[in-house]
Amino acid sequence: TLLGLLAAVVNLAGMWSALALLSVRPALTLPWQA
């Protein structure tokens, strides 16, 4: 679970930084309940 959560956080950080290069500020959140 911890390794999966770490992979999800790294993936979201990469998506957030890629979208930041496009000047888009999305609200990326983890699906905590799922």
Full PDB file with SEQRES, HELIX, SHEET, SSBOND, CRYST1, ORIGX, SCALE, CONECT and MASTER records, all heavy atoms in Angstrom:
SEQRES   1 A   34  THR LEU LEU GLY LEU LEU ALA ALA VAL VAL ASN LEU ALA          
SEQRES   2 A   34  GLY MET TRP SER ALA LEU ALA LEU LEU SER VAL ARG PRO          
SEQRES   3 A   34  ALA LEU THR LEU PRO TRP GLN ALA                              
HELIX    1 AA1 LEU A    2  LEU A   21  1                                  20    
CRYST1    1.000    1.000    1.000  90.00  90.00  90.00 P 1           1          
ORIGX1      1.000000  0.000000  0.000000        0.00000                         
ORIGX2      0.000000  1.000000  0.000000        0.00000                         
ORIGX3      0.000000  0.000000  1.000000        0.00000                         
SCALE1      1.000000  0.000000  0.000000        0.00000                         
SCALE2      0.000000  1.000000  0.000000        0.00000                         
SCALE3      0.000000  0.000000  1.000000        0.00000                         
ATOM      1  N   THR A   1       0.831  -1.204   0.000  1.00  0.00           N  
ATOM      2  CA  THR A   1       0.000   0.000   0.000  1.00  0.00           C  
ATOM      3  C   THR A   1       0.864   1.253   0.000  1.00  0.00           C  
ATOM      4  O   THR A   1       0.603   2.205  -0.750  1.00  0.00           O  
ATOM      5  CB  THR A   1      -0.947   0.004   1.207  1.00  0.00           C  
ATOM      6  OG1 THR A   1      -1.774  -1.159   1.148  1.00  0.00           O  
ATOM      7  CG2 THR A   1      -1.814   1.241   1.236  1.00  0.00           C  
ATOM      8  N   LEU A   2       1.895   1.265   0.829  1.00  0.00           N  
ATOM      9  CA  LEU A   2       2.775   2.435   0.875  1.00  0.00           C  
ATOM     10  C   LEU A   2       3.526   2.628  -0.440  1.00  0.00           C  
ATOM     11  O   LEU A   2       3.668   3.754  -0.919  1.00  0.00           O  
ATOM     12  CB  LEU A   2       3.764   2.304   2.030  1.00  0.00           C  
ATOM     13  CG  LEU A   2       3.159   2.474   3.421  1.00  0.00           C  
ATOM     14  CD1 LEU A   2       4.218   2.233   4.496  1.00  0.00           C  
ATOM     15  CD2 LEU A   2       2.552   3.855   3.583  1.00  0.00           C  
ATOM     16  N   LEU A   3       3.985   1.529  -1.027  1.00  0.00           N  
ATOM     17  CA  LEU A   3       4.669   1.656  -2.316  1.00  0.00           C  
ATOM     18  C   LEU A   3       3.712   2.120  -3.413  1.00  0.00           C  
ATOM     19  O   LEU A   3       4.081   2.929  -4.269  1.00  0.00           O  
ATOM     20  CB  LEU A   3       5.324   0.328  -2.699  1.00  0.00           C  
ATOM     21  CG  LEU A   3       6.541  -0.070  -1.880  1.00  0.00           C  
ATOM     22  CD1 LEU A   3       6.994  -1.478  -2.248  1.00  0.00           C  
ATOM     23  CD2 LEU A   3       7.662   0.925  -2.068  1.00  0.00           C  
ATOM     24  N   GLY A   4       2.486   1.621  -3.404  1.00  0.00           N  
ATOM     25  CA  GLY A   4       1.488   2.062  -4.375  1.00  0.00           C  
ATOM     26  C   GLY A   4       1.139   3.528  -4.200  1.00  0.00           C  
ATOM     27  O   GLY A   4       0.969   4.265  -5.179  1.00  0.00           O  
ATOM     28  N   LEU A   5       1.023   3.969  -2.945  1.00  0.00           N  
ATOM     29  CA  LEU A   5       0.739   5.372  -2.662  1.00  0.00           C  
ATOM     30  C   LEU A   5       1.889   6.257  -3.117  1.00  0.00           C  
ATOM     31  O   LEU A   5       1.671   7.326  -3.697  1.00  0.00           O  
ATOM     32  CB  LEU A   5       0.468   5.556  -1.174  1.00  0.00           C  
ATOM     33  CG  LEU A   5       0.059   6.944  -0.718  1.00  0.00           C  
ATOM     34  CD1 LEU A   5      -1.245   7.362  -1.387  1.00  0.00           C  
ATOM     35  CD2 LEU A   5      -0.097   6.961   0.797  1.00  0.00           C  
ATOM     36  N   LEU A   6       3.107   5.806  -2.893  1.00  0.00           N  
ATOM     37  CA  LEU A   6       4.271   6.562  -3.343  1.00  0.00           C  
ATOM     38  C   LEU A   6       4.296   6.686  -4.864  1.00  0.00           C  
ATOM     39  O   LEU A   6       4.559   7.766  -5.406  1.00  0.00           O  
ATOM     40  CB  LEU A   6       5.555   5.895  -2.842  1.00  0.00           C  
ATOM     41  CG  LEU A   6       6.861   6.549  -3.256  1.00  0.00           C  
ATOM     42  CD1 LEU A   6       6.970   7.956  -2.683  1.00  0.00           C  
ATOM     43  CD2 LEU A   6       8.037   5.701  -2.823  1.00  0.00           C  
ATOM     44  N   ALA A   7       3.979   5.592  -5.550  1.00  0.00           N  
ATOM     45  CA  ALA A   7       3.932   5.638  -7.018  1.00  0.00           C  
ATOM     46  C   ALA A   7       2.841   6.588  -7.504  1.00  0.00           C  
ATOM     47  O   ALA A   7       3.036   7.328  -8.481  1.00  0.00           O  
ATOM     48  CB  ALA A   7       3.700   4.239  -7.572  1.00  0.00           C  
ATOM     49  N   ALA A   8       1.688   6.587  -6.826  1.00  0.00           N  
ATOM     50  CA  ALA A   8       0.605   7.492  -7.213  1.00  0.00           C  
ATOM     51  C   ALA A   8       1.000   8.947  -6.994  1.00  0.00           C  
ATOM     52  O   ALA A   8       0.705   9.813  -7.830  1.00  0.00           O  
ATOM     53  CB  ALA A   8      -0.660   7.163  -6.424  1.00  0.00           C  
ATOM     54  N   VAL A   9       1.674   9.232  -5.892  1.00  0.00           N  
ATOM     55  CA  VAL A   9       2.099  10.609  -5.610  1.00  0.00           C  
ATOM     56  C   VAL A   9       3.132  11.069  -6.642  1.00  0.00           C  
ATOM     57  O   VAL A   9       3.060  12.201  -7.136  1.00  0.00           O  
ATOM     58  CB  VAL A   9       2.645  10.717  -4.167  1.00  0.00           C  
ATOM     59  CG1 VAL A   9       3.380  12.022  -3.948  1.00  0.00           C  
ATOM     60  CG2 VAL A   9       1.521  10.572  -3.169  1.00  0.00           C  
ATOM     61  N   VAL A  10       4.080  10.197  -6.988  1.00  0.00           N  
ATOM     62  CA  VAL A  10       5.080  10.561  -7.993  1.00  0.00           C  
ATOM     63  C   VAL A  10       4.405  10.787  -9.341  1.00  0.00           C  
ATOM     64  O   VAL A  10       4.734  11.741 -10.067  1.00  0.00           O  
ATOM     65  CB  VAL A  10       6.166   9.466  -8.086  1.00  0.00           C  
ATOM     66  CG1 VAL A  10       7.056   9.657  -9.305  1.00  0.00           C  
ATOM     67  CG2 VAL A  10       7.005   9.453  -6.819  1.00  0.00           C  
ATOM     68  N   ASN A  11       3.444   9.944  -9.683  1.00  0.00           N  
ATOM     69  CA  ASN A  11       2.714  10.093 -10.937  1.00  0.00           C  
ATOM     70  C   ASN A  11       1.943  11.415 -10.963  1.00  0.00           C  
ATOM     71  O   ASN A  11       1.975  12.152 -11.961  1.00  0.00           O  
ATOM     72  CB  ASN A  11       1.760   8.921 -11.134  1.00  0.00           C  
ATOM     73  CG  ASN A  11       1.090   8.949 -12.478  1.00  0.00           C  
ATOM     74  OD1 ASN A  11       1.526   9.622 -13.398  1.00  0.00           O  
ATOM     75  ND2 ASN A  11       0.003   8.215 -12.596  1.00  0.00           N  
ATOM     76  N   LEU A  12       1.249  11.725  -9.870  1.00  0.00           N  
ATOM     77  CA  LEU A  12       0.500  12.986  -9.820  1.00  0.00           C  
ATOM     78  C   LEU A  12       1.424  14.198  -9.846  1.00  0.00           C  
ATOM     79  O   LEU A  12       1.089  15.224 -10.444  1.00  0.00           O  
ATOM     80  CB  LEU A  12      -0.390  13.017  -8.582  1.00  0.00           C  
ATOM     81  CG  LEU A  12      -1.639  12.146  -8.651  1.00  0.00           C  
ATOM     82  CD1 LEU A  12      -2.388  12.186  -7.333  1.00  0.00           C  
ATOM     83  CD2 LEU A  12      -2.542  12.586  -9.787  1.00  0.00           C  
ATOM     84  N   ALA A  13       2.582  14.090  -9.194  1.00  0.00           N  
ATOM     85  CA  ALA A  13       3.538  15.205  -9.224  1.00  0.00           C  
ATOM     86  C   ALA A  13       4.045  15.430 -10.643  1.00  0.00           C  
ATOM     87  O   ALA A  13       4.195  16.580 -11.081  1.00  0.00           O  
ATOM     88  CB  ALA A  13       4.700  14.922  -8.276  1.00  0.00           C  
ATOM     89  N   GLY A  14       4.298  14.350 -11.373  1.00  0.00           N  
ATOM     90  CA  GLY A  14       4.721  14.490 -12.766  1.00  0.00           C  
ATOM     91  C   GLY A  14       3.641  15.109 -13.630  1.00  0.00           C  
ATOM     92  O   GLY A  14       3.919  15.961 -14.484  1.00  0.00           O  
ATOM     93  N   MET A  15       2.387  14.682 -13.420  1.00  0.00           N  
ATOM     94  CA  MET A  15       1.277  15.260 -14.185  1.00  0.00           C  
ATOM     95  C   MET A  15       1.095  16.737 -13.836  1.00  0.00           C  
ATOM     96  O   MET A  15       0.854  17.562 -14.715  1.00  0.00           O  
ATOM     97  CB  MET A  15      -0.007  14.488 -13.913  1.00  0.00           C  
ATOM     98  CG  MET A  15      -0.008  13.100 -14.518  1.00  0.00           C  
ATOM     99  SD  MET A  15      -1.548  12.226 -14.231  1.00  0.00           S  
ATOM    100  CE  MET A  15      -2.653  13.179 -15.254  1.00  0.00           C  
ATOM    101  N   TRP A  16       1.213  17.070 -12.562  1.00  0.00           N  
ATOM    102  CA  TRP A  16       1.051  18.458 -12.131  1.00  0.00           C  
ATOM    103  C   TRP A  16       2.139  19.336 -12.747  1.00  0.00           C  
ATOM    104  O   TRP A  16       1.858  20.428 -13.240  1.00  0.00           O  
ATOM    105  CB  TRP A  16       1.100  18.544 -10.610  1.00  0.00           C  
ATOM    106  CG  TRP A  16       0.829  19.913 -10.095  1.00  0.00           C  
ATOM    107  CD1 TRP A  16      -0.386  20.495  -9.927  1.00  0.00           C  
ATOM    108  CD2 TRP A  16       1.804  20.879  -9.704  1.00  0.00           C  
ATOM    109  NE1 TRP A  16      -0.231  21.768  -9.446  1.00  0.00           N  
ATOM    110  CE2 TRP A  16       1.108  22.024  -9.298  1.00  0.00           C  
ATOM    111  CE3 TRP A  16       3.187  20.881  -9.657  1.00  0.00           C  
ATOM    112  CZ2 TRP A  16       1.755  23.167  -8.850  1.00  0.00           C  
ATOM    113  CZ3 TRP A  16       3.836  22.016  -9.217  1.00  0.00           C  
ATOM    114  CH2 TRP A  16       3.106  23.150  -8.827  1.00  0.00           C  
ATOM    115  N   SER A  17       3.382  18.831 -12.763  1.00  0.00           N  
ATOM    116  CA  SER A  17       4.466  19.648 -13.335  1.00  0.00           C  
ATOM    117  C   SER A  17       4.335  19.753 -14.857  1.00  0.00           C  
ATOM    118  O   SER A  17       4.634  20.802 -15.437  1.00  0.00           O  
ATOM    119  CB  SER A  17       5.826  19.069 -12.954  1.00  0.00           C  
ATOM    120  OG  SER A  17       5.992  17.783 -13.495  1.00  0.00           O  
ATOM    121  N   ALA A  18       3.854  18.695 -15.516  1.00  0.00           N  
ATOM    122  CA  ALA A  18       3.652  18.764 -16.965  1.00  0.00           C  
ATOM    123  C   ALA A  18       2.541  19.742 -17.309  1.00  0.00           C  
ATOM    124  O   ALA A  18       2.653  20.518 -18.272  1.00  0.00           O  
ATOM    125  CB  ALA A  18       3.324  17.381 -17.514  1.00  0.00           C  
ATOM    126  N   LEU A  19       1.472  19.736 -16.529  1.00  0.00           N  
ATOM    127  CA  LEU A  19       0.386  20.682 -16.776  1.00  0.00           C  
ATOM    128  C   LEU A  19       0.790  22.104 -16.414  1.00  0.00           C  
ATOM    129  O   LEU A  19       0.304  23.075 -17.018  1.00  0.00           O  
ATOM    130  CB  LEU A  19      -0.866  20.269 -16.013  1.00  0.00           C  
ATOM    131  CG  LEU A  19      -1.552  19.006 -16.540  1.00  0.00           C  
ATOM    132  CD1 LEU A  19      -2.662  18.569 -15.599  1.00  0.00           C  
ATOM    133  CD2 LEU A  19      -2.077  19.228 -17.937  1.00  0.00           C  
ATOM    134  N   ALA A  20       1.701  22.242 -15.445  1.00  0.00           N  
ATOM    135  CA  ALA A  20       2.190  23.577 -15.090  1.00  0.00           C  
ATOM    136  C   ALA A  20       2.986  24.187 -16.240  1.00  0.00           C  
ATOM    137  O   ALA A  20       2.975  25.400 -16.432  1.00  0.00           O  
ATOM    138  CB  ALA A  20       3.033  23.511 -13.826  1.00  0.00           C  
ATOM    139  N   LEU A  21       3.682  23.346 -17.010  1.00  0.00           N  
ATOM    140  CA  LEU A  21       4.407  23.840 -18.181  1.00  0.00           C  
ATOM    141  C   LEU A  21       3.448  24.392 -19.234  1.00  0.00           C  
ATOM    142  O   LEU A  21       3.822  25.258 -20.029  1.00  0.00           O  
ATOM    143  CB  LEU A  21       5.258  22.729 -18.797  1.00  0.00           C  
ATOM    144  CG  LEU A  21       6.460  22.258 -17.972  1.00  0.00           C  
ATOM    145  CD1 LEU A  21       7.129  21.060 -18.632  1.00  0.00           C  
ATOM    146  CD2 LEU A  21       7.449  23.402 -17.803  1.00  0.00           C  
ATOM    147  N   LEU A  22       2.223  23.888 -19.224  1.00  0.00           N  
ATOM    148  CA  LEU A  22       1.200  24.377 -20.155  1.00  0.00           C  
ATOM    149  C   LEU A  22       0.378  25.517 -19.553  1.00  0.00           C  
ATOM    150  O   LEU A  22      -0.623  25.932 -20.124  1.00  0.00           O  
ATOM    151  CB  LEU A  22       0.268  23.231 -20.553  1.00  0.00           C  
ATOM    152  CG  LEU A  22       0.917  22.055 -21.277  1.00  0.00           C  
ATOM    153  CD1 LEU A  22      -0.083  20.925 -21.427  1.00  0.00           C  
ATOM    154  CD2 LEU A  22       1.425  22.518 -22.636  1.00  0.00           C  
ATOM    155  N   SER A  23       0.795  25.997 -18.408  1.00  0.00           N  
ATOM    156  CA  SER A  23       0.106  27.080 -17.681  1.00  0.00           C  
ATOM    157  C   SER A  23      -1.304  26.664 -17.252  1.00  0.00           C  
ATOM    158  O   SER A  23      -2.227  27.479 -17.236  1.00  0.00           O  
ATOM    159  CB  SER A  23       0.066  28.366 -18.508  1.00  0.00           C  
ATOM    160  OG  SER A  23       1.378  28.797 -18.803  1.00  0.00           O  
ATOM    161  N   VAL A  24      -1.477  25.418 -16.932  1.00  0.00           N  
ATOM    162  CA  VAL A  24      -2.760  24.919 -16.429  1.00  0.00           C  
ATOM    163  C   VAL A  24      -2.561  24.541 -14.966  1.00  0.00           C  
ATOM    164  O   VAL A  24      -1.612  23.856 -14.615  1.00  0.00           O  
ATOM    165  CB  VAL A  24      -3.224  23.677 -17.241  1.00  0.00           C  
ATOM    166  CG1 VAL A  24      -4.505  23.119 -16.682  1.00  0.00           C  
ATOM    167  CG2 VAL A  24      -3.356  24.033 -18.700  1.00  0.00           C  
ATOM    168  N   ARG A  25      -3.447  25.011 -14.107  1.00  0.00           N  
ATOM    169  CA  ARG A  25      -3.367  24.720 -12.677  1.00  0.00           C  
ATOM    170  C   ARG A  25      -4.555  23.857 -12.251  1.00  0.00           C  
ATOM    171  O   ARG A  25      -5.526  24.352 -11.692  1.00  0.00           O  
ATOM    172  CB  ARG A  25      -3.354  26.003 -11.852  1.00  0.00           C  
ATOM    173  CG  ARG A  25      -2.158  26.861 -12.077  1.00  0.00           C  
ATOM    174  CD  ARG A  25      -0.983  26.286 -11.337  1.00  0.00           C  
ATOM    175  NE  ARG A  25       0.172  27.149 -11.530  1.00  0.00           N  
ATOM    176  CZ  ARG A  25       1.400  26.734 -11.413  1.00  0.00           C  
ATOM    177  NH1 ARG A  25       1.633  25.501 -11.089  1.00  0.00           N  
ATOM    178  NH2 ARG A  25       2.396  27.545 -11.608  1.00  0.00           N  
ATOM    179  N   PRO A  26      -4.491  22.568 -12.519  1.00  0.00           N  
ATOM    180  CA  PRO A  26      -5.620  21.718 -12.112  1.00  0.00           C  
ATOM    181  C   PRO A  26      -5.525  21.348 -10.634  1.00  0.00           C  
ATOM    182  O   PRO A  26      -4.460  21.429 -10.018  1.00  0.00           O  
ATOM    183  CB  PRO A  26      -5.445  20.473 -12.972  1.00  0.00           C  
ATOM    184  CG  PRO A  26      -3.970  20.373 -13.142  1.00  0.00           C  
ATOM    185  CD  PRO A  26      -3.480  21.802 -13.221  1.00  0.00           C  
ATOM    186  N   ALA A  27      -6.631  20.941 -10.091  1.00  0.00           N  
ATOM    187  CA  ALA A  27      -6.671  20.463  -8.710  1.00  0.00           C  
ATOM    188  C   ALA A  27      -6.564  18.940  -8.751  1.00  0.00           C  
ATOM    189  O   ALA A  27      -7.554  18.245  -8.933  1.00  0.00           O  
ATOM    190  CB  ALA A  27      -7.959  20.901  -8.029  1.00  0.00           C  
ATOM    191  N   LEU A  28      -5.346  18.441  -8.653  1.00  0.00           N  
ATOM    192  CA  LEU A  28      -5.132  16.997  -8.670  1.00  0.00           C  
ATOM    193  C   LEU A  28      -5.237  16.463  -7.245  1.00  0.00           C  
ATOM    194  O   LEU A  28      -4.567  16.949  -6.337  1.00  0.00           O  
ATOM    195  CB  LEU A  28      -3.751  16.667  -9.246  1.00  0.00           C  
ATOM    196  CG  LEU A  28      -3.523  17.068 -10.696  1.00  0.00           C  
ATOM    197  CD1 LEU A  28      -2.085  16.781 -11.094  1.00  0.00           C  
ATOM    198  CD2 LEU A  28      -4.474  16.331 -11.606  1.00  0.00           C  
ATOM    199  N   THR A  29      -6.081  15.482  -7.062  1.00  0.00           N  
ATOM    200  CA  THR A  29      -6.255  14.880  -5.738  1.00  0.00           C  
ATOM    201  C   THR A  29      -6.209  13.363  -5.859  1.00  0.00           C  
ATOM    202  O   THR A  29      -6.486  12.791  -6.914  1.00  0.00           O  
ATOM    203  CB  THR A  29      -7.606  15.279  -5.115  1.00  0.00           C  
ATOM    204  OG1 THR A  29      -8.651  14.846  -5.979  1.00  0.00           O  
ATOM    205  CG2 THR A  29      -7.704  16.776  -4.922  1.00  0.00           C  
ATOM    206  N   LEU A  30      -5.860  12.738  -4.767  1.00  0.00           N  
ATOM    207  CA  LEU A  30      -5.869  11.280  -4.713  1.00  0.00           C  
ATOM    208  C   LEU A  30      -7.258  10.791  -4.309  1.00  0.00           C  
ATOM    209  O   LEU A  30      -7.903  11.407  -3.458  1.00  0.00           O  
ATOM    210  CB  LEU A  30      -4.846  10.777  -3.696  1.00  0.00           C  
ATOM    211  CG  LEU A  30      -3.388  10.873  -4.107  1.00  0.00           C  
ATOM    212  CD1 LEU A  30      -2.493  10.511  -2.936  1.00  0.00           C  
ATOM    213  CD2 LEU A  30      -3.106   9.949  -5.263  1.00  0.00           C  
ATOM    214  N   PRO A  31      -7.714   9.700  -4.871  1.00  0.00           N  
ATOM    215  CA  PRO A  31      -9.013   9.134  -4.473  1.00  0.00           C  
ATOM    216  C   PRO A  31      -8.856   8.349  -3.168  1.00  0.00           C  
ATOM    217  O   PRO A  31      -8.720   7.128  -3.157  1.00  0.00           O  
ATOM    218  CB  PRO A  31      -9.363   8.226  -5.654  1.00  0.00           C  
ATOM    219  CG  PRO A  31      -8.044   7.840  -6.236  1.00  0.00           C  
ATOM    220  CD  PRO A  31      -7.142   9.005  -6.015  1.00  0.00           C  
ATOM    221  N   TRP A  32      -8.871   9.061  -2.047  1.00  0.00           N  
ATOM    222  CA  TRP A  32      -8.573   8.453  -0.748  1.00  0.00           C  
ATOM    223  C   TRP A  32      -9.542   7.332  -0.386  1.00  0.00           C  
ATOM    224  O   TRP A  32      -9.137   6.313   0.172  1.00  0.00           O  
ATOM    225  CB  TRP A  32      -8.548   9.516   0.342  1.00  0.00           C  
ATOM    226  CG  TRP A  32      -7.391  10.440   0.193  1.00  0.00           C  
ATOM    227  CD1 TRP A  32      -7.429  11.740  -0.200  1.00  0.00           C  
ATOM    228  CD2 TRP A  32      -6.019  10.127   0.405  1.00  0.00           C  
ATOM    229  NE1 TRP A  32      -6.163  12.266  -0.246  1.00  0.00           N  
ATOM    230  CE2 TRP A  32      -5.273  11.294   0.129  1.00  0.00           C  
ATOM    231  CE3 TRP A  32      -5.331   8.981   0.803  1.00  0.00           C  
ATOM    232  CZ2 TRP A  32      -3.897  11.334   0.244  1.00  0.00           C  
ATOM    233  CZ3 TRP A  32      -3.956   9.021   0.916  1.00  0.00           C  
ATOM    234  CH2 TRP A  32      -3.253  10.197   0.637  1.00  0.00           C  
ATOM    235  N   GLN A  33     -10.819   7.518  -0.669  1.00  0.00           N  
ATOM    236  CA  GLN A  33     -11.792   6.495  -0.303  1.00  0.00           C  
ATOM    237  C   GLN A  33     -11.548   5.202  -1.085  1.00  0.00           C  
ATOM    238  O   GLN A  33     -11.577   4.111  -0.528  1.00  0.00           O  
ATOM    239  CB  GLN A  33     -13.211   6.981  -0.541  1.00  0.00           C  
ATOM    240  CG  GLN A  33     -14.248   5.983  -0.040  1.00  0.00           C  
ATOM    241  CD  GLN A  33     -15.645   6.532  -0.125  1.00  0.00           C  
ATOM    242  OE1 GLN A  33     -15.870   7.635  -0.605  1.00  0.00           O  
ATOM    243  NE2 GLN A  33     -16.605   5.760   0.346  1.00  0.00           N  
ATOM    244  N   ALA A  34     -11.269   5.319  -2.369  1.00  0.00           N  
ATOM    245  CA  ALA A  34     -10.986   4.135  -3.182  1.00  0.00           C  
ATOM    246  C   ALA A  34      -9.693   3.461  -2.729  1.00  0.00           C  
ATOM    247  O   ALA A  34      -9.618   2.223  -2.666  1.00  0.00           O  
ATOM    248  CB  ALA A  34     -10.899   4.515  -4.654  1.00  0.00           C  
TER     249      ALA A  34                                                      
MASTER        0    0    0    1    0    0    0    6  248    1    0    3          
END                                                                             
